[in-house]
Amino acid sequence: MRGLFFTTFILLPLCAVAQLKLYLLPEVTLEKRAVLVSDILKVDGNSNNPIATIVIPEELYRDGIIDSSELRNMLSGLLSESFVIFGNGTRVLFKNTETIEPKSREFSPVFKKGDNVIIVVRKGDITIEMKGKALRDGFENEDAEVRVKSGKLIKGKISDGKVIVNL
């Protein structure tokens, strides 16, 4: 009788709160573009759960990393049972392909901090070109600060990969 009580009232509630445990892998290298949930994590729990066949949308790994919070938001709408994700995120690499670039090119810098850039100074009909070092990442049609060899700081607008200064 005591064994039946133990089984019924102690172990039964423990089974009722059983949940899936999802362990994110730190890094995966794939040959295909479609990323499945089973590619980036290991499942501990109900083995009959179809979680392994869920395709992850490209927006989640466009930057090369699938964050646990992004994955949690996606899976919470798809899974009826509770789950816990262990790990912060998974780095996704693809073999024989280039990294996935953002859809718009306007977010990629023309040059990075420390790069040598060409400065074009114009005043009327006179144009002078010189080299300088970028003090921060530069994006098209934005203002940039460049330090020339003499140590002076020059500010100009980025156009066609050059810093343009109109006097």
C-alpha atoms as a PDB file:
ATOM      1  CA  MET A   1       0.000   0.000   0.000  1.00  0.00           C
ATOM      2  CA  ARG A   2       2.810   2.369   0.865  1.00  0.00           C
ATOM      3  CA  GLY A   3       4.442   1.643  -2.541  1.00  0.00           C
ATOM      4  CA  LEU A   4       1.227   2.445  -4.359  1.00  0.00           C
ATOM      5  CA  PHE A   5       0.914   5.737  -2.473  1.00  0.00           C
ATOM      6  CA  PHE A   6       4.516   6.633  -3.318  1.00  0.00           C
ATOM      7  CA  THR A   7       4.022   5.810  -6.984  1.00  0.00           C
ATOM      8  CA  THR A   8       0.695   7.593  -7.313  1.00  0.00           C
ATOM      9  CA  PHE A   9       1.264  10.808  -5.397  1.00  0.00           C
ATOM     10  CA  ILE A  10       5.003  11.361  -5.703  1.00  0.00           C
ATOM     11  CA  LEU A  11       6.085  10.071  -9.112  1.00  0.00           C
ATOM     12  CA  LEU A  12       2.934  10.899 -11.076  1.00  0.00           C
ATOM     13  CA  PRO A  13       3.267  14.693 -10.618  1.00  0.00           C
ATOM     14  CA  LEU A  14       6.908  14.464 -11.668  1.00  0.00           C
ATOM     15  CA  CYS A  15       5.864  12.854 -14.948  1.00  0.00           C
ATOM     16  CA  ALA A  16       3.227  15.523 -15.493  1.00  0.00           C
ATOM     17  CA  VAL A  17       5.818  18.328 -15.440  1.00  0.00           C
ATOM     18  CA  ALA A  18       8.211  16.562 -17.781  1.00  0.00           C
ATOM     19  CA  GLN A  19       9.467  18.900 -20.450  1.00  0.00           C
ATOM     20  CA  LEU A  20      11.693  18.813 -23.461  1.00  0.00           C
ATOM     21  CA  LYS A  21      15.288  19.785 -22.869  1.00  0.00           C
ATOM     22  CA  LEU A  22      16.917  21.322 -25.925  1.00  0.00           C
ATOM     23  CA  TYR A  23      20.713  21.608 -25.961  1.00  0.00           C
ATOM     24  CA  LEU A  24      22.089  24.077 -28.517  1.00  0.00           C
ATOM     25  CA  LEU A  25      25.310  23.095 -30.260  1.00  0.00           C
ATOM     26  CA  PRO A  26      27.941  25.852 -30.184  1.00  0.00           C
ATOM     27  CA  GLU A  27      28.724  25.656 -33.920  1.00  0.00           C
ATOM     28  CA  VAL A  28      27.465  23.698 -36.914  1.00  0.00           C
ATOM     29  CA  THR A  29      28.808  23.458 -40.453  1.00  0.00           C
ATOM     30  CA  LEU A  30      26.228  22.528 -43.054  1.00  0.00           C
ATOM     31  CA  GLU A  31      26.297  21.768 -46.766  1.00  0.00           C
ATOM     32  CA  LYS A  32      22.687  22.682 -47.388  1.00  0.00           C
ATOM     33  CA  ARG A  33      20.910  26.000 -47.055  1.00  0.00           C
ATOM     34  CA  ALA A  34      17.796  24.702 -45.279  1.00  0.00           C
ATOM     35  CA  VAL A  35      18.532  24.495 -41.554  1.00  0.00           C
ATOM     36  CA  LEU A  36      16.476  22.067 -39.469  1.00  0.00           C
ATOM     37  CA  VAL A  37      16.082  22.229 -35.713  1.00  0.00           C
ATOM     38  CA  SER A  38      17.827  18.834 -35.506  1.00  0.00           C
ATOM     39  CA  ASP A  39      20.908  20.392 -37.177  1.00  0.00           C
ATOM     40  CA  ILE A  40      21.526  22.891 -34.376  1.00  0.00           C
ATOM     41  CA  LEU A  41      20.402  21.151 -31.184  1.00  0.00           C
ATOM     42  CA  LYS A  42      20.035  17.842 -29.381  1.00  0.00           C
ATOM     43  CA  VAL A  43      16.681  16.900 -27.853  1.00  0.00           C
ATOM     44  CA  ASP A  44      16.361  15.214 -24.459  1.00  0.00           C
ATOM     45  CA  GLY A  45      12.817  14.167 -23.628  1.00  0.00           C
ATOM     46  CA  ASN A  46       9.936  12.823 -25.663  1.00  0.00           C
ATOM     47  CA  SER A  47      11.550  11.080 -28.642  1.00  0.00           C
ATOM     48  CA  ASN A  48       8.235  10.978 -30.540  1.00  0.00           C
ATOM     49  CA  ASN A  49       8.159  14.758 -30.808  1.00  0.00           C
ATOM     50  CA  PRO A  50       8.425  15.998 -34.420  1.00  0.00           C
ATOM     51  CA  ILE A  51      10.621  18.943 -33.364  1.00  0.00           C
ATOM     52  CA  ALA A  52      13.593  17.618 -35.356  1.00  0.00           C
ATOM     53  CA  THR A  53      11.825  18.158 -38.686  1.00  0.00           C
ATOM     54  CA  ILE A  54      10.995  21.841 -38.159  1.00  0.00           C
ATOM     55  CA  VAL A  55      12.712  24.102 -40.707  1.00  0.00           C
ATOM     56  CA  ILE A  56      14.228  27.273 -39.264  1.00  0.00           C
ATOM     57  CA  PRO A  57      13.383  30.442 -41.236  1.00  0.00           C
ATOM     58  CA  GLU A  58      16.325  32.123 -42.970  1.00  0.00           C
ATOM     59  CA  GLU A  59      15.779  35.372 -41.033  1.00  0.00           C
ATOM     60  CA  LEU A  60      16.988  33.631 -37.873  1.00  0.00           C
ATOM     61  CA  TYR A  61      20.374  32.610 -39.309  1.00  0.00           C
ATOM     62  CA  ARG A  62      20.987  35.361 -41.865  1.00  0.00           C
ATOM     63  CA  ASP A  63      23.575  36.908 -39.532  1.00  0.00           C
ATOM     64  CA  GLY A  64      25.286  33.515 -39.057  1.00  0.00           C
ATOM     65  CA  ILE A  65      24.042  33.005 -35.490  1.00  0.00           C
ATOM     66  CA  ILE A  66      20.817  31.496 -34.207  1.00  0.00           C
ATOM     67  CA  ASP A  67      20.163  33.042 -30.810  1.00  0.00           C
ATOM     68  CA  SER A  68      18.369  31.014 -28.125  1.00  0.00           C
ATOM     69  CA  SER A  69      15.770  33.763 -27.627  1.00  0.00           C
ATOM     70  CA  GLU A  70      14.974  33.804 -31.365  1.00  0.00           C
ATOM     71  CA  LEU A  71      14.628  30.029 -31.341  1.00  0.00           C
ATOM     72  CA  ARG A  72      12.479  30.121 -28.178  1.00  0.00           C
ATOM     73  CA  ASN A  73      10.091  32.625 -29.778  1.00  0.00           C
ATOM     74  CA  MET A  74       9.788  30.500 -32.908  1.00  0.00           C
ATOM     75  CA  LEU A  75       9.278  27.187 -31.070  1.00  0.00           C
ATOM     76  CA  SER A  76       6.815  28.549 -28.498  1.00  0.00           C
ATOM     77  CA  GLY A  77       4.257  29.016 -31.258  1.00  0.00           C
ATOM     78  CA  LEU A  78       4.868  25.552 -32.708  1.00  0.00           C
ATOM     79  CA  LEU A  79       5.179  23.263 -29.667  1.00  0.00           C
ATOM     80  CA  SER A  80       2.329  22.420 -27.321  1.00  0.00           C
ATOM     81  CA  GLU A  81       4.527  21.039 -24.546  1.00  0.00           C
ATOM     82  CA  SER A  82       6.920  22.982 -22.376  1.00  0.00           C
ATOM     83  CA  PHE A  83      10.614  23.099 -23.204  1.00  0.00           C
ATOM     84  CA  VAL A  84      13.865  24.514 -21.892  1.00  0.00           C
ATOM     85  CA  ILE A  85      16.727  25.647 -24.132  1.00  0.00           C
ATOM     86  CA  PHE A  86      20.265  25.256 -22.816  1.00  0.00           C
ATOM     87  CA  GLY A  87      22.932  27.391 -24.494  1.00  0.00           C
ATOM     88  CA  ASN A  88      23.068  30.961 -25.748  1.00  0.00           C
ATOM     89  CA  GLY A  89      23.152  30.364 -29.461  1.00  0.00           C
ATOM     90  CA  THR A  90      24.551  28.406 -32.383  1.00  0.00           C
ATOM     91  CA  ARG A  91      26.955  29.674 -35.005  1.00  0.00           C
ATOM     92  CA  VAL A  92      25.876  28.452 -38.444  1.00  0.00           C
ATOM     93  CA  LEU A  93      28.505  28.023 -41.173  1.00  0.00           C
ATOM     94  CA  PHE A  94      27.956  26.730 -44.688  1.00  0.00           C
ATOM     95  CA  LYS A  95      30.471  24.662 -46.677  1.00  0.00           C
ATOM     96  CA  ASN A  96      31.459  25.750 -50.187  1.00  0.00           C
ATOM     97  CA  THR A  97      29.283  28.844 -50.038  1.00  0.00           C
ATOM     98  CA  GLU A  98      29.704  32.441 -49.085  1.00  0.00           C
ATOM     99  CA  THR A  99      28.234  33.788 -45.900  1.00  0.00           C
ATOM    100  CA  ILE A 100      24.690  35.008 -46.091  1.00  0.00           C
ATOM    101  CA  GLU A 101      24.713  38.744 -46.686  1.00  0.00           C
ATOM    102  CA  PRO A 102      22.047  41.157 -45.560  1.00  0.00           C
ATOM    103  CA  LYS A 103      19.382  41.874 -48.169  1.00  0.00           C
ATOM    104  CA  SER A 104      20.299  45.525 -48.410  1.00  0.00           C
ATOM    105  CA  ARG A 105      23.872  46.525 -49.176  1.00  0.00           C
ATOM    106  CA  GLU A 106      23.448  49.872 -47.434  1.00  0.00           C
ATOM    107  CA  PHE A 107      24.308  48.308 -44.076  1.00  0.00           C
ATOM    108  CA  SER A 108      27.751  47.076 -45.111  1.00  0.00           C
ATOM    109  CA  PRO A 109      30.524  49.620 -44.573  1.00  0.00           C
ATOM    110  CA  VAL A 110      32.485  51.009 -47.518  1.00  0.00           C
ATOM    111  CA  PHE A 111      35.595  50.900 -45.336  1.00  0.00           C
ATOM    112  CA  LYS A 112      36.388  49.874 -41.784  1.00  0.00           C
ATOM    113  CA  LYS A 113      38.150  51.644 -38.950  1.00  0.00           C
ATOM    114  CA  GLY A 114      41.898  51.745 -39.596  1.00  0.00           C
ATOM    115  CA  ASP A 115      41.632  51.213 -43.369  1.00  0.00           C
ATOM    116  CA  ASN A 116      43.582  53.459 -45.724  1.00  0.00           C
ATOM    117  CA  VAL A 117      41.183  55.661 -47.658  1.00  0.00           C
ATOM    118  CA  ILE A 118      41.512  58.245 -50.399  1.00  0.00           C
ATOM    119  CA  ILE A 119      40.562  61.812 -49.530  1.00  0.00           C
ATOM    120  CA  VAL A 120      39.495  64.134 -52.359  1.00  0.00           C
ATOM    121  CA  VAL A 121      39.621  67.847 -51.494  1.00  0.00           C
ATOM    122  CA  ARG A 122      37.915  70.194 -53.980  1.00  0.00           C
ATOM    123  CA  LYS A 123      37.848  73.969 -54.162  1.00  0.00           C
ATOM    124  CA  GLY A 124      36.537  75.361 -57.395  1.00  0.00           C
ATOM    125  CA  ASP A 125      38.509  73.801 -60.262  1.00  0.00           C
ATOM    126  CA  ILE A 126      41.309  72.540 -57.998  1.00  0.00           C
ATOM    127  CA  THR A 127      41.220  68.916 -56.827  1.00  0.00           C
ATOM    128  CA  ILE A 128      43.759  67.319 -54.485  1.00  0.00           C
ATOM    129  CA  GLU A 129      43.838  63.617 -53.606  1.00  0.00           C
ATOM    130  CA  MET A 130      45.663  62.225 -50.582  1.00  0.00           C
ATOM    131  CA  LYS A 131      45.627  59.160 -48.360  1.00  0.00           C
ATOM    132  CA  GLY A 132      44.462  58.897 -44.783  1.00  0.00           C
ATOM    133  CA  LYS A 133      43.329  56.410 -42.129  1.00  0.00           C
ATOM    134  CA  ALA A 134      39.662  55.982 -41.285  1.00  0.00           C
ATOM    135  CA  LEU A 135      38.869  56.644 -37.631  1.00  0.00           C
ATOM    136  CA  ARG A 136      35.655  54.590 -37.741  1.00  0.00           C
ATOM    137  CA  ASP A 137      33.627  52.436 -40.117  1.00  0.00           C
ATOM    138  CA  GLY A 138      32.351  54.419 -43.074  1.00  0.00           C
ATOM    139  CA  PHE A 139      29.032  53.982 -44.861  1.00  0.00           C
ATOM    140  CA  GLU A 140      28.003  55.430 -48.231  1.00  0.00           C
ATOM    141  CA  ASN A 141      26.652  59.028 -48.097  1.00  0.00           C
ATOM    142  CA  GLU A 142      27.601  59.497 -44.431  1.00  0.00           C
ATOM    143  CA  ASP A 143      30.116  61.846 -42.833  1.00  0.00           C
ATOM    144  CA  ALA A 144      33.533  60.390 -42.057  1.00  0.00           C
ATOM    145  CA  GLU A 145      36.575  61.429 -40.067  1.00  0.00           C
ATOM    146  CA  VAL A 146      40.002  60.616 -41.494  1.00  0.00           C
ATOM    147  CA  ARG A 147      43.459  61.289 -40.070  1.00  0.00           C
ATOM    148  CA  VAL A 148      46.126  62.256 -42.605  1.00  0.00           C
ATOM    149  CA  LYS A 149      49.848  61.496 -42.307  1.00  0.00           C
ATOM    150  CA  SER A 150      50.580  64.899 -40.731  1.00  0.00           C
ATOM    151  CA  GLY A 151      48.155  64.069 -37.905  1.00  0.00           C
ATOM    152  CA  LYS A 152      45.405  66.475 -38.935  1.00  0.00           C
ATOM    153  CA  LEU A 153      41.789  65.400 -38.770  1.00  0.00           C
ATOM    154  CA  ILE A 154      39.716  65.820 -41.935  1.00  0.00           C
ATOM    155  CA  LYS A 155      35.940  65.493 -42.112  1.00  0.00           C
ATOM    156  CA  GLY A 156      34.105  64.758 -45.336  1.00  0.00           C
ATOM    157  CA  LYS A 157      31.269  62.860 -46.978  1.00  0.00           C
ATOM    158  CA  ILE A 158      31.741  59.310 -48.280  1.00  0.00           C
ATOM    159  CA  SER A 159      31.028  58.847 -51.976  1.00  0.00           C
ATOM    160  CA  ASP A 160      32.190  56.037 -54.295  1.00  0.00           C
ATOM    161  CA  GLY A 161      34.523  54.670 -51.608  1.00  0.00           C
ATOM    162  CA  LYS A 162      36.324  58.005 -51.164  1.00  0.00           C
ATOM    163  CA  VAL A 163      36.013  60.787 -48.606  1.00  0.00           C
ATOM    164  CA  ILE A 164      34.987  63.980 -50.422  1.00  0.00           C
ATOM    165  CA  VAL A 165      35.725  67.397 -48.905  1.00  0.00           C
ATOM    166  CA  ASN A 166      34.311  70.486 -50.640  1.00  0.00           C
ATOM    167  CA  LEU A 167      35.843  73.778 -49.502  1.00  0.00           C
END
